[in-house]
């Protein structure tokens, strides 16, 4: 049985939607990231309460022609990279909004 992963956007960022993409800048080091259309869907759904698996199944797989296995693998790689840069918080439990604060 796999562990659920929860994702939440960090508050140590600045983000702006530009069409179907999103620009995200780290407030700590000013690194700029451009999220494509699919990454933007994950970004917008990263509320800390919805498991990544649900986001993939209910948003990515429904909107895009991709298998759940491929979508989940890609989503896990994306959230790991964004978490490494401090843009997303990851947890195996829901992330309370009080925790979604810049350190």
C-alpha atoms as a PDB file:
ATOM      1  CA  UNK A   1       0.000   0.000   0.000  1.00  0.00           C
ATOM      2  CA  UNK A   2       1.442   3.362  -1.028  1.00  0.00           C
ATOM      3  CA  UNK A   3       1.694   6.339   1.271  1.00  0.00           C
ATOM      4  CA  UNK A   4      -0.380   9.340   0.285  1.00  0.00           C
ATOM      5  CA  UNK A   5       1.569  12.501  -0.457  1.00  0.00           C
ATOM      6  CA  UNK A   6       0.137  15.914   0.205  1.00  0.00           C
ATOM      7  CA  UNK A   7       1.404  19.091  -1.426  1.00  0.00           C
ATOM      8  CA  UNK A   8       0.981  22.744  -0.520  1.00  0.00           C
ATOM      9  CA  UNK A   9       2.340  25.922  -2.049  1.00  0.00           C
ATOM     10  CA  UNK A  10       4.951  27.689   0.047  1.00  0.00           C
ATOM     11  CA  UNK A  11       4.315  31.283   1.005  1.00  0.00           C
ATOM     12  CA  UNK A  12       7.978  32.098   0.323  1.00  0.00           C
ATOM     13  CA  UNK A  13       7.177  32.611  -3.355  1.00  0.00           C
ATOM     14  CA  UNK A  14       5.628  35.036  -5.785  1.00  0.00           C
ATOM     15  CA  UNK A  15       3.428  33.524  -8.513  1.00  0.00           C
ATOM     16  CA  UNK A  16       1.471  34.852 -11.457  1.00  0.00           C
ATOM     17  CA  UNK A  17      -0.671  33.018 -13.998  1.00  0.00           C
ATOM     18  CA  UNK A  18       0.121  33.905 -17.610  1.00  0.00           C
ATOM     19  CA  UNK A  19      -2.449  32.243 -19.824  1.00  0.00           C
ATOM     20  CA  UNK A  20      -2.274  28.513 -19.160  1.00  0.00           C
ATOM     21  CA  UNK A  21       1.190  28.725 -17.593  1.00  0.00           C
ATOM     22  CA  UNK A  22       2.356  30.028 -14.231  1.00  0.00           C
ATOM     23  CA  UNK A  23       5.525  31.916 -13.375  1.00  0.00           C
ATOM     24  CA  UNK A  24       6.819  31.208  -9.861  1.00  0.00           C
ATOM     25  CA  UNK A  25       9.703  33.006  -8.204  1.00  0.00           C
ATOM     26  CA  UNK A  26      11.415  31.917  -5.015  1.00  0.00           C
ATOM     27  CA  UNK A  27      11.487  34.761  -2.497  1.00  0.00           C
ATOM     28  CA  UNK A  28      14.622  33.325  -0.902  1.00  0.00           C
ATOM     29  CA  UNK A  29      16.906  33.342  -3.960  1.00  0.00           C
ATOM     30  CA  UNK A  30      14.865  34.956  -6.793  1.00  0.00           C
ATOM     31  CA  UNK A  31      15.013  31.800  -8.923  1.00  0.00           C
ATOM     32  CA  UNK A  32      12.288  31.924 -11.574  1.00  0.00           C
ATOM     33  CA  UNK A  33      10.323  28.859 -12.714  1.00  0.00           C
ATOM     34  CA  UNK A  34       7.859  28.567 -15.581  1.00  0.00           C
ATOM     35  CA  UNK A  35       5.208  25.901 -15.013  1.00  0.00           C
ATOM     36  CA  UNK A  36       3.592  24.454 -18.105  1.00  0.00           C
ATOM     37  CA  UNK A  37      -0.150  23.863 -18.395  1.00  0.00           C
ATOM     38  CA  UNK A  38      -0.126  20.490 -16.588  1.00  0.00           C
ATOM     39  CA  UNK A  39       2.250  21.685 -13.854  1.00  0.00           C
ATOM     40  CA  UNK A  40      -0.019  24.708 -13.359  1.00  0.00           C
ATOM     41  CA  UNK A  41      -2.988  22.395 -12.708  1.00  0.00           C
ATOM     42  CA  UNK A  42      -0.982  20.638  -9.976  1.00  0.00           C
ATOM     43  CA  UNK A  43       0.261  23.971  -8.596  1.00  0.00           C
ATOM     44  CA  UNK A  44      -3.250  25.400  -8.337  1.00  0.00           C
ATOM     45  CA  UNK A  45      -4.578  22.221  -6.670  1.00  0.00           C
ATOM     46  CA  UNK A  46      -1.721  22.060  -4.117  1.00  0.00           C
ATOM     47  CA  UNK A  47      -3.849  23.011  -1.113  1.00  0.00           C
ATOM     48  CA  UNK A  48      -2.230  20.782   1.506  1.00  0.00           C
ATOM     49  CA  UNK A  49      -5.486  18.852   2.012  1.00  0.00           C
ATOM     50  CA  UNK A  50      -5.839  16.969  -1.278  1.00  0.00           C
ATOM     51  CA  UNK A  51      -3.525  13.985  -1.852  1.00  0.00           C
ATOM     52  CA  UNK A  52      -1.354  14.222  -4.976  1.00  0.00           C
ATOM     53  CA  UNK A  53      -2.896  10.948  -6.177  1.00  0.00           C
ATOM     54  CA  UNK A  54      -6.366  12.588  -6.155  1.00  0.00           C
ATOM     55  CA  UNK A  55      -5.102  15.661  -7.999  1.00  0.00           C
ATOM     56  CA  UNK A  56      -3.619  13.432 -10.684  1.00  0.00           C
ATOM     57  CA  UNK A  57      -6.683  11.187 -10.991  1.00  0.00           C
ATOM     58  CA  UNK A  58      -9.342  13.910 -10.816  1.00  0.00           C
ATOM     59  CA  UNK A  59      -7.630  16.689 -12.735  1.00  0.00           C
ATOM     60  CA  UNK A  60      -4.686  15.526 -14.838  1.00  0.00           C
ATOM     61  CA  UNK A  61      -6.013  12.191 -16.103  1.00  0.00           C
ATOM     62  CA  UNK A  62      -9.453  13.658 -16.830  1.00  0.00           C
ATOM     63  CA  UNK A  63      -8.194  16.762 -18.662  1.00  0.00           C
ATOM     64  CA  UNK A  64      -5.262  15.180 -20.521  1.00  0.00           C
ATOM     65  CA  UNK A  65      -4.818  11.958 -22.454  1.00  0.00           C
ATOM     66  CA  UNK A  66      -2.412  10.230 -20.062  1.00  0.00           C
ATOM     67  CA  UNK A  67      -2.462   7.019 -18.063  1.00  0.00           C
ATOM     68  CA  UNK A  68      -2.599   7.275 -14.257  1.00  0.00           C
ATOM     69  CA  UNK A  69       0.796   5.547 -13.927  1.00  0.00           C
ATOM     70  CA  UNK A  70       2.577   7.961 -16.274  1.00  0.00           C
ATOM     71  CA  UNK A  71       0.795  10.997 -14.848  1.00  0.00           C
ATOM     72  CA  UNK A  72       1.642  10.028 -11.268  1.00  0.00           C
ATOM     73  CA  UNK A  73       5.300   9.381 -12.083  1.00  0.00           C
ATOM     74  CA  UNK A  74       5.584  12.782 -13.786  1.00  0.00           C
ATOM     75  CA  UNK A  75       3.671  14.547 -10.984  1.00  0.00           C
ATOM     76  CA  UNK A  76       5.912  13.018  -8.309  1.00  0.00           C
ATOM     77  CA  UNK A  77       9.029  14.179 -10.187  1.00  0.00           C
ATOM     78  CA  UNK A  78       7.585  17.684 -10.563  1.00  0.00           C
ATOM     79  CA  UNK A  79       6.577  18.126  -6.915  1.00  0.00           C
ATOM     80  CA  UNK A  80       9.922  16.721  -5.725  1.00  0.00           C
ATOM     81  CA  UNK A  81      11.798  19.268  -7.839  1.00  0.00           C
ATOM     82  CA  UNK A  82       9.611  22.166  -6.718  1.00  0.00           C
ATOM     83  CA  UNK A  83       9.936  21.062  -3.080  1.00  0.00           C
ATOM     84  CA  UNK A  84      13.719  20.897  -3.466  1.00  0.00           C
ATOM     85  CA  UNK A  85      13.637  24.584  -4.442  1.00  0.00           C
ATOM     86  CA  UNK A  86      11.316  25.465  -1.540  1.00  0.00           C
ATOM     87  CA  UNK A  87       8.299  26.229  -3.725  1.00  0.00           C
ATOM     88  CA  UNK A  88       6.134  23.346  -2.494  1.00  0.00           C
ATOM     89  CA  UNK A  89       5.809  21.623   0.854  1.00  0.00           C
ATOM     90  CA  UNK A  90       5.467  17.814   0.855  1.00  0.00           C
ATOM     91  CA  UNK A  91       4.083  15.594   3.592  1.00  0.00           C
ATOM     92  CA  UNK A  92       2.615  12.137   4.139  1.00  0.00           C
ATOM     93  CA  UNK A  93      -0.190  13.825   6.140  1.00  0.00           C
ATOM     94  CA  UNK A  94      -2.463  16.762   5.299  1.00  0.00           C
ATOM     95  CA  UNK A  95      -0.647  20.075   5.694  1.00  0.00           C
ATOM     96  CA  UNK A  96      -2.599  22.534   7.865  1.00  0.00           C
ATOM     97  CA  UNK A  97      -2.749  26.059   6.427  1.00  0.00           C
ATOM     98  CA  UNK A  98      -0.987  27.305   9.570  1.00  0.00           C
ATOM     99  CA  UNK A  99       2.091  25.323   8.458  1.00  0.00           C
ATOM    100  CA  UNK A 100       2.122  26.880   4.987  1.00  0.00           C
ATOM    101  CA  UNK A 101       4.235  29.786   6.156  1.00  0.00           C
ATOM    102  CA  UNK A 102       7.715  30.860   5.137  1.00  0.00           C
ATOM    103  CA  UNK A 103      10.353  29.807   7.633  1.00  0.00           C
END
